[in-house]
C-alpha cells in the first residue's frame, strides 16, 4: 500500500507542471489558491508522501506514518476527485486506501511478524 504514496510523491516532485495542470482543473482550486500557492502544496505533499510512504513500508512508526498519509490523502481526495465524473475511479481507490490506512491507525500492528 505504501508504494502508491511513494510513486505519487515522486510524481508530484518530478512532474510538477503536469500535477499543477490537474490541480488547476479541480473543483475547489479557487479556495486552495486563496489560502496557499498550489505549487507549494504539490511539492510539500510530494515530500510528505515519499517520506511517510517509505516509513510505512519499512514499518517505522507505522501508525504515525499512516496518520500522516491520511492527512495528505483526505485533502487531495476532496479537492481533486470529489465532484468530477472523470475521477470516480481514483475517488473510490482513495477511499479504499483510506480504509487500509485506518486499519493501521486503529490496530496494534507493532508486533506483527512478516
PDB file of N, CA and C in Angstrom:
ATOM      1  N   UNK A   1       0.827  -1.196   0.000  1.00  0.00           N
ATOM      2  CA  UNK A   1       0.000   0.000   0.000  1.00  0.00           C
ATOM      3  C   UNK A   1       0.867   1.253   0.000  1.00  0.00           C
ATOM      4  N   UNK A   2       2.034   1.162   0.597  1.00  0.00           N
ATOM      5  CA  UNK A   2       2.888   2.339   0.675  1.00  0.00           C
ATOM      6  C   UNK A   2       3.442   2.734  -0.692  1.00  0.00           C
ATOM      7  N   UNK A   3       3.573   1.757  -1.578  1.00  0.00           N
ATOM      8  CA  UNK A   3       4.139   2.040  -2.894  1.00  0.00           C
ATOM      9  C   UNK A   3       3.388   3.112  -3.650  1.00  0.00           C
ATOM     10  N   UNK A   4       2.083   3.136  -3.524  1.00  0.00           N
ATOM     11  CA  UNK A   4       1.295   4.131  -4.252  1.00  0.00           C
ATOM     12  C   UNK A   4       1.640   5.551  -3.791  1.00  0.00           C
ATOM     13  N   UNK A   5       1.941   5.707  -2.491  1.00  0.00           N
ATOM     14  CA  UNK A   5       2.303   7.026  -1.977  1.00  0.00           C
ATOM     15  C   UNK A   5       3.713   7.421  -2.410  1.00  0.00           C
ATOM     16  N   UNK A   6       4.614   6.471  -2.426  1.00  0.00           N
ATOM     17  CA  UNK A   6       5.988   6.761  -2.845  1.00  0.00           C
ATOM     18  C   UNK A   6       6.002   7.167  -4.313  1.00  0.00           C
ATOM     19  N   UNK A   7       5.317   6.413  -5.154  1.00  0.00           N
ATOM     20  CA  UNK A   7       5.258   6.736  -6.582  1.00  0.00           C
ATOM     21  C   UNK A   7       4.556   8.078  -6.804  1.00  0.00           C
ATOM     22  N   UNK A   8       3.429   8.288  -6.132  1.00  0.00           N
ATOM     23  CA  UNK A   8       2.696   9.553  -6.287  1.00  0.00           C
ATOM     24  C   UNK A   8       3.526  10.733  -5.786  1.00  0.00           C
ATOM     25  N   UNK A   9       4.244  10.530  -4.686  1.00  0.00           N
ATOM     26  CA  UNK A   9       5.083  11.603  -4.151  1.00  0.00           C
ATOM     27  C   UNK A   9       6.176  12.003  -5.129  1.00  0.00           C
ATOM     28  N   UNK A  10       6.864  11.008  -5.700  1.00  0.00           N
ATOM     29  CA  UNK A  10       7.891  11.314  -6.706  1.00  0.00           C
ATOM     30  C   UNK A  10       7.270  11.946  -7.936  1.00  0.00           C
ATOM     31  N   UNK A  11       6.070  11.512  -8.290  1.00  0.00           N
ATOM     32  CA  UNK A  11       5.363  12.122  -9.423  1.00  0.00           C
ATOM     33  C   UNK A  11       5.074  13.594  -9.154  1.00  0.00           C
ATOM     34  N   UNK A  12       4.678  13.914  -7.933  1.00  0.00           N
ATOM     35  CA  UNK A  12       4.450  15.320  -7.570  1.00  0.00           C
ATOM     36  C   UNK A  12       5.732  16.125  -7.727  1.00  0.00           C
ATOM     37  N   UNK A  13       6.844  15.553  -7.320  1.00  0.00           N
ATOM     38  CA  UNK A  13       8.112  16.281  -7.322  1.00  0.00           C
ATOM     39  C   UNK A  13       8.726  16.404  -8.712  1.00  0.00           C
ATOM     40  N   UNK A  14       8.621  15.354  -9.527  1.00  0.00           N
ATOM     41  CA  UNK A  14       9.303  15.350 -10.815  1.00  0.00           C
ATOM     42  C   UNK A  14       8.403  15.674 -11.998  1.00  0.00           C
ATOM     43  N   UNK A  15       7.113  15.743 -11.776  1.00  0.00           N
ATOM     44  CA  UNK A  15       6.162  16.145 -12.825  1.00  0.00           C
ATOM     45  C   UNK A  15       5.289  17.282 -12.305  1.00  0.00           C
ATOM     46  N   UNK A  16       5.939  18.296 -11.795  1.00  0.00           N
ATOM     47  CA  UNK A  16       5.240  19.409 -11.141  1.00  0.00           C
ATOM     48  C   UNK A  16       4.248  20.091 -12.075  1.00  0.00           C
ATOM     49  N   UNK A  17       4.637  20.311 -13.321  1.00  0.00           N
ATOM     50  CA  UNK A  17       3.744  21.013 -14.249  1.00  0.00           C
ATOM     51  C   UNK A  17       2.492  20.195 -14.558  1.00  0.00           C
ATOM     52  N   UNK A  18       2.665  18.898 -14.782  1.00  0.00           N
ATOM     53  CA  UNK A  18       1.503  18.035 -15.072  1.00  0.00           C
ATOM     54  C   UNK A  18       0.570  17.977 -13.868  1.00  0.00           C
ATOM     55  N   UNK A  19       1.147  17.857 -12.669  1.00  0.00           N
ATOM     56  CA  UNK A  19       0.336  17.818 -11.454  1.00  0.00           C
ATOM     57  C   UNK A  19      -0.357  19.158 -11.246  1.00  0.00           C
ATOM     58  N   UNK A  20       0.323  20.246 -11.555  1.00  0.00           N
ATOM     59  CA  UNK A  20      -0.280  21.588 -11.440  1.00  0.00           C
ATOM     60  C   UNK A  20      -1.468  21.732 -12.381  1.00  0.00           C
ATOM     61  N   UNK A  21      -1.344  21.181 -13.585  1.00  0.00           N
ATOM     62  CA  UNK A  21      -2.451  21.239 -14.543  1.00  0.00           C
ATOM     63  C   UNK A  21      -3.666  20.465 -14.019  1.00  0.00           C
ATOM     64  N   UNK A  22      -3.427  19.292 -13.433  1.00  0.00           N
ATOM     65  CA  UNK A  22      -4.528  18.510 -12.867  1.00  0.00           C
ATOM     66  C   UNK A  22      -5.198  19.271 -11.724  1.00  0.00           C
ATOM     67  N   UNK A  23      -4.386  19.896 -10.893  1.00  0.00           N
ATOM     68  CA  UNK A  23      -4.934  20.658  -9.775  1.00  0.00           C
ATOM     69  C   UNK A  23      -5.696  21.882 -10.272  1.00  0.00           C
ATOM     70  N   UNK A  24      -5.234  22.481 -11.362  1.00  0.00           N
ATOM     71  CA  UNK A  24      -5.923  23.655 -11.920  1.00  0.00           C
ATOM     72  C   UNK A  24      -7.333  23.308 -12.383  1.00  0.00           C
ATOM     73  N   UNK A  25      -7.577  22.040 -12.728  1.00  0.00           N
ATOM     74  CA  UNK A  25      -8.901  21.605 -13.168  1.00  0.00           C
ATOM     75  C   UNK A  25      -9.791  21.140 -12.021  1.00  0.00           C
ATOM     76  N   UNK A  26      -9.281  21.160 -10.806  1.00  0.00           N
ATOM     77  CA  UNK A  26     -10.054  20.710  -9.648  1.00  0.00           C
ATOM     78  C   UNK A  26     -11.183  21.691  -9.342  1.00  0.00           C
ATOM     79  N   UNK A  27     -12.260  21.155  -8.801  1.00  0.00           N
ATOM     80  CA  UNK A  27     -13.432  21.982  -8.494  1.00  0.00           C
ATOM     81  C   UNK A  27     -13.152  23.056  -7.453  1.00  0.00           C
ATOM     82  N   UNK A  28     -12.285  22.778  -6.508  1.00  0.00           N
ATOM     83  CA  UNK A  28     -12.080  23.693  -5.385  1.00  0.00           C
ATOM     84  C   UNK A  28     -10.759  24.453  -5.464  1.00  0.00           C
ATOM     85  N   UNK A  29     -10.205  24.625  -6.662  1.00  0.00           N
ATOM     86  CA  UNK A  29      -8.906  25.281  -6.809  1.00  0.00           C
ATOM     87  C   UNK A  29      -8.953  26.733  -6.340  1.00  0.00           C
ATOM     88  N   UNK A  30     -10.097  27.393  -6.485  1.00  0.00           N
ATOM     89  CA  UNK A  30     -10.188  28.791  -6.053  1.00  0.00           C
ATOM     90  C   UNK A  30     -10.000  28.921  -4.546  1.00  0.00           C
ATOM     91  N   UNK A  31     -10.557  27.984  -3.799  1.00  0.00           N
ATOM     92  CA  UNK A  31     -10.409  28.006  -2.343  1.00  0.00           C
ATOM     93  C   UNK A  31      -8.955  27.739  -1.964  1.00  0.00           C
ATOM     94  N   UNK A  32      -8.353  26.742  -2.620  1.00  0.00           N
ATOM     95  CA  UNK A  32      -6.963  26.399  -2.334  1.00  0.00           C
ATOM     96  C   UNK A  32      -6.052  27.567  -2.677  1.00  0.00           C
ATOM     97  N   UNK A  33      -6.245  28.123  -3.871  1.00  0.00           N
ATOM     98  CA  UNK A  33      -5.400  29.229  -4.326  1.00  0.00           C
ATOM     99  C   UNK A  33      -5.500  30.463  -3.451  1.00  0.00           C
ATOM    100  N   UNK A  34      -6.643  30.653  -2.812  1.00  0.00           N
ATOM    101  CA  UNK A  34      -6.806  31.805  -1.918  1.00  0.00           C
ATOM    102  C   UNK A  34      -6.049  31.610  -0.613  1.00  0.00           C
ATOM    103  N   UNK A  35      -5.810  30.360  -0.240  1.00  0.00           N
ATOM    104  CA  UNK A  35      -5.140  30.064   1.028  1.00  0.00           C
ATOM    105  C   UNK A  35      -3.629  29.961   0.855  1.00  0.00           C
ATOM    106  N   UNK A  36      -3.191  29.273  -0.195  1.00  0.00           N
ATOM    107  CA  UNK A  36      -1.770  28.993  -0.357  1.00  0.00           C
ATOM    108  C   UNK A  36      -1.453  28.739  -1.830  1.00  0.00           C
ATOM    109  N   UNK A  37      -0.215  28.936  -2.210  1.00  0.00           N
ATOM    110  CA  UNK A  37       0.231  28.681  -3.577  1.00  0.00           C
ATOM    111  C   UNK A  37       0.132  27.179  -3.873  1.00  0.00           C
ATOM    112  N   UNK A  38      -0.662  26.802  -4.873  1.00  0.00           N
ATOM    113  CA  UNK A  38      -0.848  25.374  -5.166  1.00  0.00           C
ATOM    114  C   UNK A  38       0.459  24.624  -5.464  1.00  0.00           C
ATOM    115  N   UNK A  39       1.423  25.259  -6.091  1.00  0.00           N
ATOM    116  CA  UNK A  39       2.691  24.572  -6.378  1.00  0.00           C
ATOM    117  C   UNK A  39       3.420  24.215  -5.088  1.00  0.00           C
ATOM    118  N   UNK A  40       3.335  25.087  -4.083  1.00  0.00           N
ATOM    119  CA  UNK A  40       3.958  24.761  -2.796  1.00  0.00           C
ATOM    120  C   UNK A  40       3.275  23.550  -2.181  1.00  0.00           C
ATOM    121  N   UNK A  41       1.971  23.474  -2.320  1.00  0.00           N
ATOM    122  CA  UNK A  41       1.232  22.310  -1.804  1.00  0.00           C
ATOM    123  C   UNK A  41       1.649  21.028  -2.512  1.00  0.00           C
ATOM    124  N   UNK A  42       1.837  21.093  -3.813  1.00  0.00           N
ATOM    125  CA  UNK A  42       2.233  19.920  -4.576  1.00  0.00           C
ATOM    126  C   UNK A  42       3.610  19.433  -4.133  1.00  0.00           C
ATOM    127  N   UNK A  43       4.548  20.350  -3.988  1.00  0.00           N
ATOM    128  CA  UNK A  43       5.903  19.982  -3.567  1.00  0.00           C
ATOM    129  C   UNK A  43       5.903  19.429  -2.149  1.00  0.00           C
ATOM    130  N   UNK A  44       5.239  20.125  -1.232  1.00  0.00           N
ATOM    131  CA  UNK A  44       5.238  19.662   0.161  1.00  0.00           C
ATOM    132  C   UNK A  44       4.510  18.329   0.310  1.00  0.00           C
ATOM    133  N   UNK A  45       3.398  18.154  -0.401  1.00  0.00           N
ATOM    134  CA  UNK A  45       2.696  16.869  -0.311  1.00  0.00           C
ATOM    135  C   UNK A  45       3.525  15.756  -0.928  1.00  0.00           C
ATOM    136  N   UNK A  46       4.275  16.062  -1.966  1.00  0.00           N
ATOM    137  CA  UNK A  46       5.153  15.063  -2.573  1.00  0.00           C
ATOM    138  C   UNK A  46       6.222  14.594  -1.602  1.00  0.00           C
ATOM    139  N   UNK A  47       6.846  15.537  -0.910  1.00  0.00           N
ATOM    140  CA  UNK A  47       7.878  15.190   0.073  1.00  0.00           C
ATOM    141  C   UNK A  47       7.277  14.354   1.197  1.00  0.00           C
ATOM    142  N   UNK A  48       6.132  14.787   1.703  1.00  0.00           N
ATOM    143  CA  UNK A  48       5.483  14.069   2.805  1.00  0.00           C
ATOM    144  C   UNK A  48       5.103  12.658   2.375  1.00  0.00           C
ATOM    145  N   UNK A  49       4.556  12.500   1.163  1.00  0.00           N
ATOM    146  CA  UNK A  49       4.152  11.166   0.709  1.00  0.00           C
ATOM    147  C   UNK A  49       5.353  10.237   0.561  1.00  0.00           C
ATOM    148  N   UNK A  50       6.474  10.753   0.058  1.00  0.00           N
ATOM    149  CA  UNK A  50       7.663   9.913  -0.094  1.00  0.00           C
ATOM    150  C   UNK A  50       8.197   9.499   1.268  1.00  0.00           C
ATOM    151  N   UNK A  51       8.370  10.452   2.164  1.00  0.00           N
ATOM    152  CA  UNK A  51       8.953  10.151   3.481  1.00  0.00           C
ATOM    153  C   UNK A  51       8.035   9.236   4.294  1.00  0.00           C
ATOM    154  N   UNK A  52       6.756   9.585   4.394  1.00  0.00           N
ATOM    155  CA  UNK A  52       5.823   8.759   5.168  1.00  0.00           C
ATOM    156  C   UNK A  52       5.588   7.408   4.487  1.00  0.00           C
ATOM    157  N   UNK A  53       5.581   7.384   3.168  1.00  0.00           N
ATOM    158  CA  UNK A  53       5.416   6.124   2.446  1.00  0.00           C
ATOM    159  C   UNK A  53       6.572   5.171   2.693  1.00  0.00           C
ATOM    160  N   UNK A  54       7.799   5.705   2.697  1.00  0.00           N
ATOM    161  CA  UNK A  54       8.963   4.871   2.996  1.00  0.00           C
ATOM    162  C   UNK A  54       8.909   4.396   4.445  1.00  0.00           C
ATOM    163  N   UNK A  55       8.588   5.287   5.366  1.00  0.00           N
ATOM    164  CA  UNK A  55       8.462   4.892   6.771  1.00  0.00           C
ATOM    165  C   UNK A  55       7.409   3.811   6.949  1.00  0.00           C
ATOM    166  N   UNK A  56       6.285   3.960   6.270  1.00  0.00           N
ATOM    167  CA  UNK A  56       5.203   2.986   6.347  1.00  0.00           C
ATOM    168  C   UNK A  56       5.660   1.635   5.798  1.00  0.00           C
ATOM    169  N   UNK A  57       6.350   1.657   4.665  1.00  0.00           N
ATOM    170  CA  UNK A  57       6.779   0.394   4.047  1.00  0.00           C
ATOM    171  C   UNK A  57       7.822  -0.328   4.879  1.00  0.00           C
ATOM    172  N   UNK A  58       8.650   0.410   5.612  1.00  0.00           N
ATOM    173  CA  UNK A  58       9.682  -0.198   6.446  1.00  0.00           C
ATOM    174  C   UNK A  58       9.194  -0.526   7.852  1.00  0.00           C
ATOM    175  N   UNK A  59       7.955  -0.150   8.156  1.00  0.00           N
ATOM    176  CA  UNK A  59       7.408  -0.423   9.478  1.00  0.00           C
ATOM    177  C   UNK A  59       7.949   0.506  10.547  1.00  0.00           C
ATOM    178  N   UNK A  60       8.428   1.670  10.141  1.00  0.00           N
ATOM    179  CA  UNK A  60       8.953   2.658  11.075  1.00  0.00           C
ATOM    180  C   UNK A  60       7.811   3.587  11.472  1.00  0.00           C
ATOM    181  N   UNK A  61       7.436   3.540  12.763  1.00  0.00           N
ATOM    182  CA  UNK A  61       6.318   4.375  13.232  1.00  0.00           C
ATOM    183  C   UNK A  61       5.116   4.214  12.301  1.00  0.00           C
ATOM    184  N   UNK A  62       4.713   2.977  12.130  1.00  0.00           N
ATOM    185  CA  UNK A  62       3.652   2.642  11.171  1.00  0.00           C
ATOM    186  C   UNK A  62       2.374   3.429  11.424  1.00  0.00           C
ATOM    187  N   UNK A  63       1.951   3.493  12.684  1.00  0.00           N
ATOM    188  CA  UNK A  63       0.711   4.208  12.991  1.00  0.00           C
ATOM    189  C   UNK A  63       0.842   5.684  12.620  1.00  0.00           C
ATOM    190  N   UNK A  64       1.962   6.306  12.978  1.00  0.00           N
ATOM    191  CA  UNK A  64       2.150   7.724  12.667  1.00  0.00           C
ATOM    192  C   UNK A  64       2.301   7.950  11.169  1.00  0.00           C
ATOM    193  N   UNK A  65       2.979   7.039  10.489  1.00  0.00           N
ATOM    194  CA  UNK A  65       3.096   7.150   9.036  1.00  0.00           C
ATOM    195  C   UNK A  65       1.712   7.093   8.396  1.00  0.00           C
ATOM    196  N   UNK A  66       0.865   6.170   8.889  1.00  0.00           N
ATOM    197  CA  UNK A  66      -0.496   6.054   8.353  1.00  0.00           C
ATOM    198  C   UNK A  66      -1.305   7.320   8.626  1.00  0.00           C
ATOM    199  N   UNK A  67      -1.175   7.879   9.818  1.00  0.00           N
ATOM    200  CA  UNK A  67      -1.890   9.121  10.151  1.00  0.00           C
ATOM    201  C   UNK A  67      -1.448  10.253   9.232  1.00  0.00           C
ATOM    202  N   UNK A  68      -0.163  10.358   9.007  1.00  0.00           N
ATOM    203  CA  UNK A  68       0.365  11.410   8.125  1.00  0.00           C
ATOM    204  C   UNK A  68      -0.145  11.206   6.701  1.00  0.00           C
ATOM    205  N   UNK A  69      -0.139   9.973   6.224  1.00  0.00           N
ATOM    206  CA  UNK A  69      -0.635   9.706   4.871  1.00  0.00           C
ATOM    207  C   UNK A  69      -2.124   9.999   4.760  1.00  0.00           C
ATOM    208  N   UNK A  70      -2.875   9.736   5.809  1.00  0.00           N
ATOM    209  CA  UNK A  70      -4.312  10.082   5.814  1.00  0.00           C
ATOM    210  C   UNK A  70      -4.489  11.588   5.712  1.00  0.00           C
ATOM    211  N   UNK A  71      -3.679  12.345   6.453  1.00  0.00           N
ATOM    212  CA  UNK A  71      -3.823  13.813   6.420  1.00  0.00           C
ATOM    213  C   UNK A  71      -3.456  14.393   5.064  1.00  0.00           C
ATOM    214  N   UNK A  72      -2.689  13.671   4.279  1.00  0.00           N
ATOM    215  CA  UNK A  72      -2.390  14.115   2.913  1.00  0.00           C
ATOM    216  C   UNK A  72      -3.469  13.618   1.954  1.00  0.00           C
ATOM    217  N   UNK A  73      -3.924  12.389   2.168  1.00  0.00           N
ATOM    218  CA  UNK A  73      -4.888  11.772   1.254  1.00  0.00           C
ATOM    219  C   UNK A  73      -6.248  12.465   1.269  1.00  0.00           C
ATOM    220  N   UNK A  74      -6.728  12.843   2.426  1.00  0.00           N
ATOM    221  CA  UNK A  74      -8.069  13.434   2.521  1.00  0.00           C
ATOM    222  C   UNK A  74      -8.177  14.746   1.740  1.00  0.00           C
ATOM    223  N   UNK A  75      -7.284  15.722   1.948  1.00  0.00           N
ATOM    224  CA  UNK A  75      -7.426  16.964   1.165  1.00  0.00           C
ATOM    225  C   UNK A  75      -7.255  16.755  -0.337  1.00  0.00           C
ATOM    226  N   UNK A  76      -6.345  15.855  -0.722  1.00  0.00           N
ATOM    227  CA  UNK A  76      -6.172  15.580  -2.153  1.00  0.00           C
ATOM    228  C   UNK A  76      -7.462  14.996  -2.721  1.00  0.00           C
ATOM    229  N   UNK A  77      -8.051  14.074  -2.014  1.00  0.00           N
ATOM    230  CA  UNK A  77      -9.284  13.441  -2.470  1.00  0.00           C
ATOM    231  C   UNK A  77     -10.417  14.457  -2.559  1.00  0.00           C
ATOM    232  N   UNK A  78     -10.552  15.287  -1.534  1.00  0.00           N
ATOM    233  CA  UNK A  78     -11.651  16.266  -1.523  1.00  0.00           C
ATOM    234  C   UNK A  78     -11.494  17.332  -2.589  1.00  0.00           C
ATOM    235  N   UNK A  79     -10.268  17.736  -2.872  1.00  0.00           N
ATOM    236  CA  UNK A  79     -10.081  18.827  -3.827  1.00  0.00           C
ATOM    237  C   UNK A  79      -9.992  18.356  -5.266  1.00  0.00           C
ATOM    238  N   UNK A  80      -9.403  17.205  -5.502  1.00  0.00           N
ATOM    239  CA  UNK A  80      -9.162  16.779  -6.879  1.00  0.00           C
ATOM    240  C   UNK A  80     -10.219  15.807  -7.387  1.00  0.00           C
ATOM    241  N   UNK A  81     -10.661  14.858  -6.553  1.00  0.00           N
ATOM    242  CA  UNK A  81     -11.550  13.829  -7.071  1.00  0.00           C
ATOM    243  C   UNK A  81     -13.038  14.042  -6.810  1.00  0.00           C
ATOM    244  N   UNK A  82     -13.410  14.690  -5.736  1.00  0.00           N
ATOM    245  CA  UNK A  82     -14.827  14.838  -5.408  1.00  0.00           C
ATOM    246  C   UNK A  82     -15.493  15.797  -6.394  1.00  0.00           C
ATOM    247  N   UNK A  83     -16.642  15.368  -6.899  1.00  0.00           N
ATOM    248  CA  UNK A  83     -17.438  16.228  -7.766  1.00  0.00           C
ATOM    249  C   UNK A  83     -17.068  16.188  -9.232  1.00  0.00           C
ATOM    250  N   UNK A  84     -16.203  15.262  -9.631  1.00  0.00           N
ATOM    251  CA  UNK A  84     -15.823  15.163 -11.034  1.00  0.00           C
ATOM    252  C   UNK A  84     -16.072  13.734 -11.510  1.00  0.00           C
ATOM    253  N   UNK A  85     -16.889  13.593 -12.525  1.00  0.00           N
ATOM    254  CA  UNK A  85     -17.213  12.260 -13.029  1.00  0.00           C
ATOM    255  C   UNK A  85     -15.990  11.541 -13.567  1.00  0.00           C
ATOM    256  N   UNK A  86     -15.043  12.272 -14.121  1.00  0.00           N
ATOM    257  CA  UNK A  86     -13.863  11.635 -14.715  1.00  0.00           C
ATOM    258  C   UNK A  86     -12.922  11.044 -13.681  1.00  0.00           C
ATOM    259  N   UNK A  87     -13.120  11.369 -12.407  1.00  0.00           N
ATOM    260  CA  UNK A  87     -12.213  10.859 -11.374  1.00  0.00           C
ATOM    261  C   UNK A  87     -12.909   9.934 -10.380  1.00  0.00           C
ATOM    262  N   UNK A  88     -14.000   9.296 -10.800  1.00  0.00           N
ATOM    263  CA  UNK A  88     -14.694   8.383  -9.896  1.00  0.00           C
ATOM    264  C   UNK A  88     -13.829   7.181  -9.530  1.00  0.00           C
ATOM    265  N   UNK A  89     -13.083   6.646 -10.484  1.00  0.00           N
ATOM    266  CA  UNK A  89     -12.195   5.519 -10.190  1.00  0.00           C
ATOM    267  C   UNK A  89     -11.158   5.888  -9.144  1.00  0.00           C
ATOM    268  N   UNK A  90     -10.403   6.989  -9.348  1.00  0.00           N
ATOM    269  CA  UNK A  90      -9.447   7.410  -8.328  1.00  0.00           C
ATOM    270  C   UNK A  90     -10.099   7.772  -6.995  1.00  0.00           C
ATOM    271  N   UNK A  91     -11.330   8.277  -7.030  1.00  0.00           N
ATOM    272  CA  UNK A  91     -12.030   8.588  -5.781  1.00  0.00           C
ATOM    273  C   UNK A  91     -12.242   7.319  -4.960  1.00  0.00           C
ATOM    274  N   UNK A  92     -12.763   6.274  -5.611  1.00  0.00           N
ATOM    275  CA  UNK A  92     -13.003   5.025  -4.887  1.00  0.00           C
ATOM    276  C   UNK A  92     -11.693   4.346  -4.485  1.00  0.00           C
ATOM    277  N   UNK A  93     -10.651   4.508  -5.289  1.00  0.00           N
ATOM    278  CA  UNK A  93      -9.329   3.982  -4.927  1.00  0.00           C
ATOM    279  C   UNK A  93      -8.845   4.654  -3.660  1.00  0.00           C
ATOM    280  N   UNK A  94      -8.990   5.967  -3.584  1.00  0.00           N
ATOM    281  CA  UNK A  94      -8.553   6.694  -2.388  1.00  0.00           C
ATOM    282  C   UNK A  94      -9.363   6.309  -1.157  1.00  0.00           C
ATOM    283  N   UNK A  95     -10.651   6.065  -1.339  1.00  0.00           N
ATOM    284  CA  UNK A  95     -11.485   5.622  -0.216  1.00  0.00           C
ATOM    285  C   UNK A  95     -11.006   4.260   0.276  1.00  0.00           C
ATOM    286  N   UNK A  96     -10.674   3.357  -0.649  1.00  0.00           N
ATOM    287  CA  UNK A  96     -10.164   2.041  -0.263  1.00  0.00           C
ATOM    288  C   UNK A  96      -8.825   2.157   0.454  1.00  0.00           C
ATOM    289  N   UNK A  97      -7.939   3.005  -0.052  1.00  0.00           N
ATOM    290  CA  UNK A  97      -6.638   3.207   0.596  1.00  0.00           C
ATOM    291  C   UNK A  97      -6.836   3.794   1.982  1.00  0.00           C
ATOM    292  N   UNK A  98      -7.770   4.716   2.106  1.00  0.00           N
ATOM    293  CA  UNK A  98      -8.076   5.293   3.416  1.00  0.00           C
ATOM    294  C   UNK A  98      -8.480   4.202   4.402  1.00  0.00           C
ATOM    295  N   UNK A  99      -9.293   3.260   3.956  1.00  0.00           N
ATOM    296  CA  UNK A  99      -9.683   2.142   4.810  1.00  0.00           C
ATOM    297  C   UNK A  99      -8.484   1.318   5.244  1.00  0.00           C
ATOM    298  N   UNK A 100      -7.569   1.053   4.326  1.00  0.00           N
ATOM    299  CA  UNK A 100      -6.367   0.308   4.670  1.00  0.00           C
ATOM    300  C   UNK A 100      -5.497   1.045   5.668  1.00  0.00           C
ATOM    301  N   UNK A 101      -5.349   2.343   5.487  1.00  0.00           N
ATOM    302  CA  UNK A 101      -4.555   3.145   6.423  1.00  0.00           C
ATOM    303  C   UNK A 101      -5.212   3.187   7.799  1.00  0.00           C
ATOM    304  N   UNK A 102      -6.540   3.291   7.813  1.00  0.00           N
ATOM    305  CA  UNK A 102      -7.255   3.297   9.096  1.00  0.00           C
ATOM    306  C   UNK A 102      -7.032   2.004   9.872  1.00  0.00           C
ATOM    307  N   UNK A 103      -6.875   0.896   9.159  1.00  0.00           N
ATOM    308  CA  UNK A 103      -6.581  -0.368   9.829  1.00  0.00           C
ATOM    309  C   UNK A 103      -5.317  -0.237  10.674  1.00  0.00           C
ATOM    310  N   UNK A 104      -4.281   0.373  10.109  1.00  0.00           N
ATOM    311  CA  UNK A 104      -3.014   0.513  10.821  1.00  0.00           C
ATOM    312  C   UNK A 104      -3.088   1.551  11.938  1.00  0.00           C
ATOM    313  N   UNK A 105      -3.975   2.511  11.800  1.00  0.00           N
ATOM    314  CA  UNK A 105      -4.151   3.511  12.859  1.00  0.00           C
ATOM    315  C   UNK A 105      -4.907   2.908  14.033  1.00  0.00           C
ATOM    316  N   UNK A 106      -5.921   2.113  13.751  1.00  0.00           N
ATOM    317  CA  UNK A 106      -6.812   1.613  14.797  1.00  0.00           C
ATOM    318  C   UNK A 106      -6.359   0.304  15.443  1.00  0.00           C
ATOM    319  N   UNK A 107      -5.396  -0.378  14.843  1.00  0.00           N
ATOM    320  CA  UNK A 107      -4.957  -1.667  15.369  1.00  0.00           C
ATOM    321  C   UNK A 107      -3.477  -1.618  15.742  1.00  0.00           C
ATOM    322  N   UNK A 108      -3.126  -2.407  16.732  1.00  0.00           N
ATOM    323  CA  UNK A 108      -1.730  -2.514  17.148  1.00  0.00           C
ATOM    324  C   UNK A 108      -1.034  -3.484  16.199  1.00  0.00           C
ATOM    325  N   UNK A 109      -0.254  -2.934  15.291  1.00  0.00           N
ATOM    326  CA  UNK A 109       0.453  -3.780  14.327  1.00  0.00           C
ATOM    327  C   UNK A 109       1.950  -3.832  14.616  1.00  0.00           C
ATOM    328  N   UNK A 110       2.358  -3.344  15.771  1.00  0.00           N
ATOM    329  CA  UNK A 110       3.790  -3.269  16.082  1.00  0.00           C
ATOM    330  C   UNK A 110       4.405  -4.649  16.311  1.00  0.00           C
ATOM    331  N   UNK A 111       3.596  -5.643  16.675  1.00  0.00           N
ATOM    332  CA  UNK A 111       4.157  -6.968  16.932  1.00  0.00           C
ATOM    333  C   UNK A 111       3.791  -7.981  15.856  1.00  0.00           C
ATOM    334  N   UNK A 112       3.380  -7.507  14.688  1.00  0.00           N
ATOM    335  CA  UNK A 112       3.041  -8.393  13.585  1.00  0.00           C
ATOM    336  C   UNK A 112       4.325  -8.908  12.950  1.00  0.00           C
ATOM    337  N   UNK A 113       4.415 -10.217  12.742  1.00  0.00           N
ATOM    338  CA  UNK A 113       5.581 -10.832  12.098  1.00  0.00           C
ATOM    339  C   UNK A 113       5.283 -11.000  10.622  1.00  0.00           C
ATOM    340  N   UNK A 114       6.203 -10.573   9.785  1.00  0.00           N
ATOM    341  CA  UNK A 114       6.021 -10.680   8.331  1.00  0.00           C
ATOM    342  C   UNK A 114       6.823 -11.830   7.785  1.00  0.00           C
TER     343      UNK A 114
END
